[in-house]
Amino acid sequence: MYDDKSFEFISNGLIRSDDKYPGTYELKNDTVYFTYNGLAPRAGSKAKIANGFVNYFGGKYPERIEIKLNKLLINK
């Protein structure tokens, strides 16, 4: 996730190569709403930020991504 409201979700694993899902995001309180440019990953388009992780919900499977560098400001 970048300052210009863009992001890139990269899904990789043992079976597939790196699948990239770019787009834009909107942050409202502790929830992130992702809008993808084209296809969206099955993890979904909404996530909560909590305890150093971005936790996707509402998709076909849960996904949890650790925040490695945080310069994001959450407005409450």
PDB file of N, CA and C in Angstrom:
ATOM      1  N   MET A   1       0.857  -1.166   0.000  1.00  0.00           N
ATOM      2  CA  MET A   1       0.000   0.000   0.000  1.00  0.00           C
ATOM      3  C   MET A   1       0.904   1.230   0.000  1.00  0.00           C
ATOM      4  N   TYR A   2       0.566   2.180  -0.851  1.00  0.00           N
ATOM      5  CA  TYR A   2       1.416   3.343  -1.033  1.00  0.00           C
ATOM      6  C   TYR A   2       0.658   4.636  -0.732  1.00  0.00           C
ATOM      7  N   ASP A   3       1.414   5.709  -0.541  1.00  0.00           N
ATOM      8  CA  ASP A   3       0.846   7.016  -0.202  1.00  0.00           C
ATOM      9  C   ASP A   3      -0.163   7.531  -1.228  1.00  0.00           C
ATOM     10  N   ASP A   4      -0.004   7.145  -2.478  1.00  0.00           N
ATOM     11  CA  ASP A   4      -0.904   7.642  -3.529  1.00  0.00           C
ATOM     12  C   ASP A   4      -2.201   6.836  -3.625  1.00  0.00           C
ATOM     13  N   LYS A   5      -2.484   6.024  -2.605  1.00  0.00           N
ATOM     14  CA  LYS A   5      -3.698   5.186  -2.518  1.00  0.00           C
ATOM     15  C   LYS A   5      -3.676   3.992  -3.470  1.00  0.00           C
ATOM     16  N   SER A   6      -2.513   3.661  -4.017  1.00  0.00           N
ATOM     17  CA  SER A   6      -2.400   2.467  -4.848  1.00  0.00           C
ATOM     18  C   SER A   6      -1.859   1.322  -3.988  1.00  0.00           C
ATOM     19  N   PHE A   7      -2.026   0.101  -4.484  1.00  0.00           N
ATOM     20  CA  PHE A   7      -1.500  -1.074  -3.789  1.00  0.00           C
ATOM     21  C   PHE A   7      -1.262  -2.168  -4.812  1.00  0.00           C
ATOM     22  N   GLU A   8      -0.551  -3.197  -4.378  1.00  0.00           N
ATOM     23  CA  GLU A   8      -0.365  -4.389  -5.187  1.00  0.00           C
ATOM     24  C   GLU A   8      -0.420  -5.591  -4.260  1.00  0.00           C
ATOM     25  N   PHE A   9      -1.421  -6.428  -4.448  1.00  0.00           N
ATOM     26  CA  PHE A   9      -1.570  -7.675  -3.701  1.00  0.00           C
ATOM     27  C   PHE A   9      -0.864  -8.738  -4.520  1.00  0.00           C
ATOM     28  N   ILE A  10       0.150  -9.392  -3.939  1.00  0.00           N
ATOM     29  CA  ILE A  10       0.892 -10.434  -4.642  1.00  0.00           C
ATOM     30  C   ILE A  10       0.615 -11.755  -3.950  1.00  0.00           C
ATOM     31  N   SER A  11       0.054 -12.680  -4.699  1.00  0.00           N
ATOM     32  CA  SER A  11      -0.281 -13.999  -4.179  1.00  0.00           C
ATOM     33  C   SER A  11       0.711 -14.991  -4.766  1.00  0.00           C
ATOM     34  N   ASN A  12       1.420 -15.688  -3.901  1.00  0.00           N
ATOM     35  CA  ASN A  12       2.351 -16.694  -4.403  1.00  0.00           C
ATOM     36  C   ASN A  12       2.288 -17.931  -3.526  1.00  0.00           C
ATOM     37  N   GLY A  13       2.794 -19.006  -4.041  1.00  0.00           N
ATOM     38  CA  GLY A  13       2.766 -20.252  -3.297  1.00  0.00           C
ATOM     39  C   GLY A  13       3.541 -21.319  -4.031  1.00  0.00           C
ATOM     40  N   LEU A  14       3.439 -22.539  -3.544  1.00  0.00           N
ATOM     41  CA  LEU A  14       4.178 -23.638  -4.133  1.00  0.00           C
ATOM     42  C   LEU A  14       3.629 -24.047  -5.496  1.00  0.00           C
ATOM     43  N   ILE A  15       2.326 -23.919  -5.686  1.00  0.00           N
ATOM     44  CA  ILE A  15       1.695 -24.408  -6.910  1.00  0.00           C
ATOM     45  C   ILE A  15       1.716 -23.379  -8.030  1.00  0.00           C
ATOM     46  N   ARG A  16       1.591 -22.105  -7.698  1.00  0.00           N
ATOM     47  CA  ARG A  16       1.484 -21.089  -8.742  1.00  0.00           C
ATOM     48  C   ARG A  16       2.624 -20.079  -8.643  1.00  0.00           C
ATOM     49  N   SER A  17       2.804 -19.383  -9.749  1.00  0.00           N
ATOM     50  CA  SER A  17       3.792 -18.296  -9.738  1.00  0.00           C
ATOM     51  C   SER A  17       3.153 -17.079  -9.080  1.00  0.00           C
ATOM     52  N   ASP A  18       3.889 -16.003  -9.008  1.00  0.00           N
ATOM     53  CA  ASP A  18       3.369 -14.786  -8.390  1.00  0.00           C
ATOM     54  C   ASP A  18       2.231 -14.201  -9.221  1.00  0.00           C
ATOM     55  N   ASP A  19       1.037 -14.157  -8.638  1.00  0.00           N
ATOM     56  CA  ASP A  19      -0.105 -13.500  -9.262  1.00  0.00           C
ATOM     57  C   ASP A  19      -0.220 -12.124  -8.635  1.00  0.00           C
ATOM     58  N   LYS A  20      -0.276 -11.079  -9.459  1.00  0.00           N
ATOM     59  CA  LYS A  20      -0.323  -9.704  -8.961  1.00  0.00           C
ATOM     60  C   LYS A  20      -1.694  -9.101  -9.218  1.00  0.00           C
ATOM     61  N   TYR A  21      -2.218  -8.429  -8.210  1.00  0.00           N
ATOM     62  CA  TYR A  21      -3.526  -7.791  -8.266  1.00  0.00           C
ATOM     63  C   TYR A  21      -3.375  -6.328  -7.851  1.00  0.00           C
ATOM     64  N   PRO A  22      -3.128  -5.425  -8.783  1.00  0.00           N
ATOM     65  CA  PRO A  22      -2.978  -4.008  -8.438  1.00  0.00           C
ATOM     66  C   PRO A  22      -4.335  -3.311  -8.339  1.00  0.00           C
ATOM     67  N   GLY A  23      -4.327  -2.147  -7.713  1.00  0.00           N
ATOM     68  CA  GLY A  23      -5.542  -1.355  -7.625  1.00  0.00           C
ATOM     69  C   GLY A  23      -5.354  -0.158  -6.726  1.00  0.00           C
ATOM     70  N   THR A  24      -6.469   0.338  -6.217  1.00  0.00           N
ATOM     71  CA  THR A  24      -6.462   1.466  -5.293  1.00  0.00           C
ATOM     72  C   THR A  24      -7.203   1.061  -4.023  1.00  0.00           C
ATOM     73  N   TYR A  25      -6.989   1.832  -2.957  1.00  0.00           N
ATOM     74  CA  TYR A  25      -7.647   1.525  -1.684  1.00  0.00           C
ATOM     75  C   TYR A  25      -8.185   2.788  -1.037  1.00  0.00           C
ATOM     76  N   GLU A  26      -9.144   2.570  -0.143  1.00  0.00           N
ATOM     77  CA  GLU A  26      -9.681   3.646   0.682  1.00  0.00           C
ATOM     78  C   GLU A  26      -9.664   3.147   2.121  1.00  0.00           C
ATOM     79  N   LEU A  27      -9.185   3.983   3.022  1.00  0.00           N
ATOM     80  CA  LEU A  27      -9.091   3.626   4.433  1.00  0.00           C
ATOM     81  C   LEU A  27     -10.156   4.373   5.215  1.00  0.00           C
ATOM     82  N   LYS A  28     -11.006   3.628   5.920  1.00  0.00           N
ATOM     83  CA  LYS A  28     -12.033   4.217   6.789  1.00  0.00           C
ATOM     84  C   LYS A  28     -11.896   3.565   8.153  1.00  0.00           C
ATOM     85  N   ASN A  29     -11.461   4.367   9.133  1.00  0.00           N
ATOM     86  CA  ASN A  29     -11.180   3.878  10.489  1.00  0.00           C
ATOM     87  C   ASN A  29     -10.185   2.735  10.415  1.00  0.00           C
ATOM     88  N   ASP A  30     -10.543   1.530  10.851  1.00  0.00           N
ATOM     89  CA  ASP A  30      -9.608   0.405  10.819  1.00  0.00           C
ATOM     90  C   ASP A  30      -9.896  -0.565   9.679  1.00  0.00           C
ATOM     91  N   THR A  31     -10.737  -0.157   8.711  1.00  0.00           N
ATOM     92  CA  THR A  31     -11.087  -1.030   7.593  1.00  0.00           C
ATOM     93  C   THR A  31     -10.537  -0.453   6.293  1.00  0.00           C
ATOM     94  N   VAL A  32      -9.958  -1.335   5.473  1.00  0.00           N
ATOM     95  CA  VAL A  32      -9.431  -0.956   4.168  1.00  0.00           C
ATOM     96  C   VAL A  32     -10.344  -1.553   3.103  1.00  0.00           C
ATOM     97  N   TYR A  33     -10.763  -0.725   2.142  1.00  0.00           N
ATOM     98  CA  TYR A  33     -11.594  -1.160   1.027  1.00  0.00           C
ATOM     99  C   TYR A  33     -10.737  -1.118  -0.231  1.00  0.00           C
ATOM    100  N   PHE A  34     -10.537  -2.276  -0.851  1.00  0.00           N
ATOM    101  CA  PHE A  34      -9.684  -2.395  -2.028  1.00  0.00           C
ATOM    102  C   PHE A  34     -10.528  -2.415  -3.296  1.00  0.00           C
ATOM    103  N   THR A  35     -10.092  -1.665  -4.305  1.00  0.00           N
ATOM    104  CA  THR A  35     -10.687  -1.710  -5.633  1.00  0.00           C
ATOM    105  C   THR A  35      -9.600  -2.199  -6.577  1.00  0.00           C
ATOM    106  N   TYR A  36      -9.831  -3.333  -7.205  1.00  0.00           N
ATOM    107  CA  TYR A  36      -8.817  -3.961  -8.055  1.00  0.00           C
ATOM    108  C   TYR A  36      -8.954  -3.500  -9.502  1.00  0.00           C
ATOM    109  N   ASN A  37      -7.820  -3.426 -10.191  1.00  0.00           N
ATOM    110  CA  ASN A  37      -7.781  -3.142 -11.627  1.00  0.00           C
ATOM    111  C   ASN A  37      -7.907  -4.483 -12.346  1.00  0.00           C
ATOM    112  N   GLY A  38      -9.120  -4.921 -12.614  1.00  0.00           N
ATOM    113  CA  GLY A  38      -9.310  -6.226 -13.255  1.00  0.00           C
ATOM    114  C   GLY A  38      -9.740  -7.265 -12.237  1.00  0.00           C
ATOM    115  N   LEU A  39      -9.190  -8.456 -12.371  1.00  0.00           N
ATOM    116  CA  LEU A  39      -9.549  -9.556 -11.479  1.00  0.00           C
ATOM    117  C   LEU A  39      -9.132  -9.282 -10.039  1.00  0.00           C
ATOM    118  N   ALA A  40      -9.930  -9.785  -9.107  1.00  0.00           N
ATOM    119  CA  ALA A  40      -9.631  -9.645  -7.676  1.00  0.00           C
ATOM    120  C   ALA A  40      -9.247 -11.005  -7.104  1.00  0.00           C
ATOM    121  N   PRO A  41      -8.358 -11.046  -6.123  1.00  0.00           N
ATOM    122  CA  PRO A  41      -8.031 -12.322  -5.494  1.00  0.00           C
ATOM    123  C   PRO A  41      -9.226 -12.840  -4.684  1.00  0.00           C
ATOM    124  N   ARG A  42      -9.255 -14.122  -4.446  1.00  0.00           N
ATOM    125  CA  ARG A  42     -10.369 -14.717  -3.722  1.00  0.00           C
ATOM    126  C   ARG A  42     -10.397 -14.323  -2.248  1.00  0.00           C
ATOM    127  N   ALA A  43      -9.352 -13.671  -1.759  1.00  0.00           N
ATOM    128  CA  ALA A  43      -9.333 -13.215  -0.364  1.00  0.00           C
ATOM    129  C   ALA A  43     -10.358 -12.117  -0.127  1.00  0.00           C
ATOM    130  N   GLY A  44     -10.766 -11.413  -1.170  1.00  0.00           N
ATOM    131  CA  GLY A  44     -11.797 -10.391  -1.041  1.00  0.00           C
ATOM    132  C   GLY A  44     -11.283  -8.985  -1.209  1.00  0.00           C
ATOM    133  N   SER A  45     -12.169  -8.033  -0.921  1.00  0.00           N
ATOM    134  CA  SER A  45     -11.831  -6.625  -1.143  1.00  0.00           C
ATOM    135  C   SER A  45     -11.965  -5.766   0.112  1.00  0.00           C
ATOM    136  N   LYS A  46     -12.085  -6.422   1.279  1.00  0.00           N
ATOM    137  CA  LYS A  46     -12.146  -5.683   2.543  1.00  0.00           C
ATOM    138  C   LYS A  46     -11.183  -6.319   3.537  1.00  0.00           C
ATOM    139  N   ALA A  47     -10.588  -5.467   4.368  1.00  0.00           N
ATOM    140  CA  ALA A  47      -9.660  -5.969   5.380  1.00  0.00           C
ATOM    141  C   ALA A  47      -9.677  -5.058   6.600  1.00  0.00           C
ATOM    142  N   LYS A  48      -9.405  -5.638   7.745  1.00  0.00           N
ATOM    143  CA  LYS A  48      -9.240  -4.895   9.000  1.00  0.00           C
ATOM    144  C   LYS A  48      -7.753  -4.829   9.311  1.00  0.00           C
ATOM    145  N   ILE A  49      -7.330  -3.711   9.857  1.00  0.00           N
ATOM    146  CA  ILE A  49      -5.954  -3.568  10.315  1.00  0.00           C
ATOM    147  C   ILE A  49      -5.960  -3.727  11.825  1.00  0.00           C
ATOM    148  N   ALA A  50      -5.200  -4.719  12.322  1.00  0.00           N
ATOM    149  CA  ALA A  50      -5.149  -4.961  13.763  1.00  0.00           C
ATOM    150  C   ALA A  50      -3.879  -5.717  14.131  1.00  0.00           C
ATOM    151  N   ASN A  51      -3.260  -5.304  15.213  1.00  0.00           N
ATOM    152  CA  ASN A  51      -2.112  -6.004  15.789  1.00  0.00           C
ATOM    153  C   ASN A  51      -0.999  -6.280  14.784  1.00  0.00           C
ATOM    154  N   GLY A  52      -0.713  -5.316  13.916  1.00  0.00           N
ATOM    155  CA  GLY A  52       0.387  -5.450  12.974  1.00  0.00           C
ATOM    156  C   GLY A  52       0.073  -6.294  11.748  1.00  0.00           C
ATOM    157  N   PHE A  53      -1.209  -6.556  11.484  1.00  0.00           N
ATOM    158  CA  PHE A  53      -1.604  -7.366  10.339  1.00  0.00           C
ATOM    159  C   PHE A  53      -2.740  -6.710   9.571  1.00  0.00           C
ATOM    160  N   VAL A  54      -2.813  -7.016   8.283  1.00  0.00           N
ATOM    161  CA  VAL A  54      -3.965  -6.691   7.441  1.00  0.00           C
ATOM    162  C   VAL A  54      -4.732  -8.000   7.321  1.00  0.00           C
ATOM    163  N   ASN A  55      -5.941  -8.044   7.873  1.00  0.00           N
ATOM    164  CA  ASN A  55      -6.747  -9.262   7.920  1.00  0.00           C
ATOM    165  C   ASN A  55      -7.928  -9.144   6.962  1.00  0.00           C
ATOM    166  N   TYR A  56      -7.839  -9.837   5.824  1.00  0.00           N
ATOM    167  CA  TYR A  56      -8.919  -9.828   4.848  1.00  0.00           C
ATOM    168  C   TYR A  56     -10.121 -10.595   5.388  1.00  0.00           C
ATOM    169  N   PHE A  57     -11.329 -10.145   5.030  1.00  0.00           N
ATOM    170  CA  PHE A  57     -12.546 -10.850   5.406  1.00  0.00           C
ATOM    171  C   PHE A  57     -13.586 -10.672   4.308  1.00  0.00           C
ATOM    172  N   GLY A  58     -14.574 -11.548   4.311  1.00  0.00           N
ATOM    173  CA  GLY A  58     -15.661 -11.449   3.337  1.00  0.00           C
ATOM    174  C   GLY A  58     -15.362 -12.079   1.993  1.00  0.00           C
ATOM    175  N   GLY A  59     -14.187 -12.670   1.831  1.00  0.00           N
ATOM    176  CA  GLY A  59     -13.845 -13.322   0.566  1.00  0.00           C
ATOM    177  C   GLY A  59     -14.092 -14.818   0.651  1.00  0.00           C
ATOM    178  N   LYS A  60     -13.545 -15.550  -0.282  1.00  0.00           N
ATOM    179  CA  LYS A  60     -13.725 -17.009  -0.312  1.00  0.00           C
ATOM    180  C   LYS A  60     -12.832 -17.719   0.693  1.00  0.00           C
ATOM    181  N   TYR A  61     -11.793 -17.045   1.168  1.00  0.00           N
ATOM    182  CA  TYR A  61     -10.930 -17.586   2.215  1.00  0.00           C
ATOM    183  C   TYR A  61     -10.315 -16.419   2.980  1.00  0.00           C
ATOM    184  N   PRO A  62      -9.971 -16.623   4.248  1.00  0.00           N
ATOM    185  CA  PRO A  62      -9.325 -15.544   5.002  1.00  0.00           C
ATOM    186  C   PRO A  62      -7.850 -15.429   4.612  1.00  0.00           C
ATOM    187  N   GLU A  63      -7.349 -14.237   4.629  1.00  0.00           N
ATOM    188  CA  GLU A  63      -5.942 -13.982   4.328  1.00  0.00           C
ATOM    189  C   GLU A  63      -5.420 -13.027   5.380  1.00  0.00           C
ATOM    190  N   ARG A  64      -4.197 -13.237   5.822  1.00  0.00           N
ATOM    191  CA  ARG A  64      -3.592 -12.398   6.850  1.00  0.00           C
ATOM    192  C   ARG A  64      -2.191 -12.034   6.390  1.00  0.00           C
ATOM    193  N   ILE A  65      -1.924 -10.730   6.278  1.00  0.00           N
ATOM    194  CA  ILE A  65      -0.637 -10.247   5.791  1.00  0.00           C
ATOM    195  C   ILE A  65      -0.001  -9.370   6.856  1.00  0.00           C
ATOM    196  N   GLU A  66       1.242  -9.688   7.205  1.00  0.00           N
ATOM    197  CA  GLU A  66       1.943  -8.910   8.222  1.00  0.00           C
ATOM    198  C   GLU A  66       2.390  -7.571   7.654  1.00  0.00           C
ATOM    199  N   ILE A  67       2.251  -6.523   8.452  1.00  0.00           N
ATOM    200  CA  ILE A  67       2.717  -5.190   8.066  1.00  0.00           C
ATOM    201  C   ILE A  67       4.194  -5.102   8.431  1.00  0.00           C
ATOM    202  N   LYS A  68       5.037  -4.954   7.422  1.00  0.00           N
ATOM    203  CA  LYS A  68       6.484  -4.902   7.638  1.00  0.00           C
ATOM    204  C   LYS A  68       6.981  -3.477   7.862  1.00  0.00           C
ATOM    205  N   LEU A  69       6.397  -2.522   7.159  1.00  0.00           N
ATOM    206  CA  LEU A  69       6.781  -1.120   7.284  1.00  0.00           C
ATOM    207  C   LEU A  69       5.503  -0.325   7.361  1.00  0.00           C
ATOM    208  N   ASN A  70       5.315   0.429   8.424  1.00  0.00           N
ATOM    209  CA  ASN A  70       4.048   1.120   8.623  1.00  0.00           C
ATOM    210  C   ASN A  70       4.276   2.614   8.740  1.00  0.00           C
ATOM    211  N   LYS A  71       3.851   3.320   7.717  1.00  0.00           N
ATOM    212  CA  LYS A  71       3.832   4.776   7.766  1.00  0.00           C
ATOM    213  C   LYS A  71       2.396   5.251   7.527  1.00  0.00           C
ATOM    214  N   LEU A  72       1.443   4.316   7.635  1.00  0.00           N
ATOM    215  CA  LEU A  72       0.035   4.584   7.387  1.00  0.00           C
ATOM    216  C   LEU A  72      -0.581   5.232   8.608  1.00  0.00           C
ATOM    217  N   LEU A  73      -1.330   6.291   8.406  1.00  0.00           N
ATOM    218  CA  LEU A  73      -2.002   6.971   9.504  1.00  0.00           C
ATOM    219  C   LEU A  73      -3.479   6.604   9.468  1.00  0.00           C
ATOM    220  N   ILE A  74      -3.997   6.118  10.554  1.00  0.00           N
ATOM    221  CA  ILE A  74      -5.397   5.757  10.627  1.00  0.00           C
ATOM    222  C   ILE A  74      -6.148   6.916  11.284  1.00  0.00           C
ATOM    223  N   ASN A  75      -7.076   7.516  10.541  1.00  0.00           N
ATOM    224  CA  ASN A  75      -7.879   8.631  11.055  1.00  0.00           C
ATOM    225  C   ASN A  75      -9.079   8.084  11.780  1.00  0.00           C
ATOM    226  N   LYS A  76      -9.279   8.494  13.006  1.00  0.00           N
ATOM    227  CA  LYS A  76     -10.432   8.032  13.777  1.00  0.00           C
ATOM    228  C   LYS A  76     -11.273   9.203  14.180  1.00  0.00           C
TER     229      LYS A  76
END
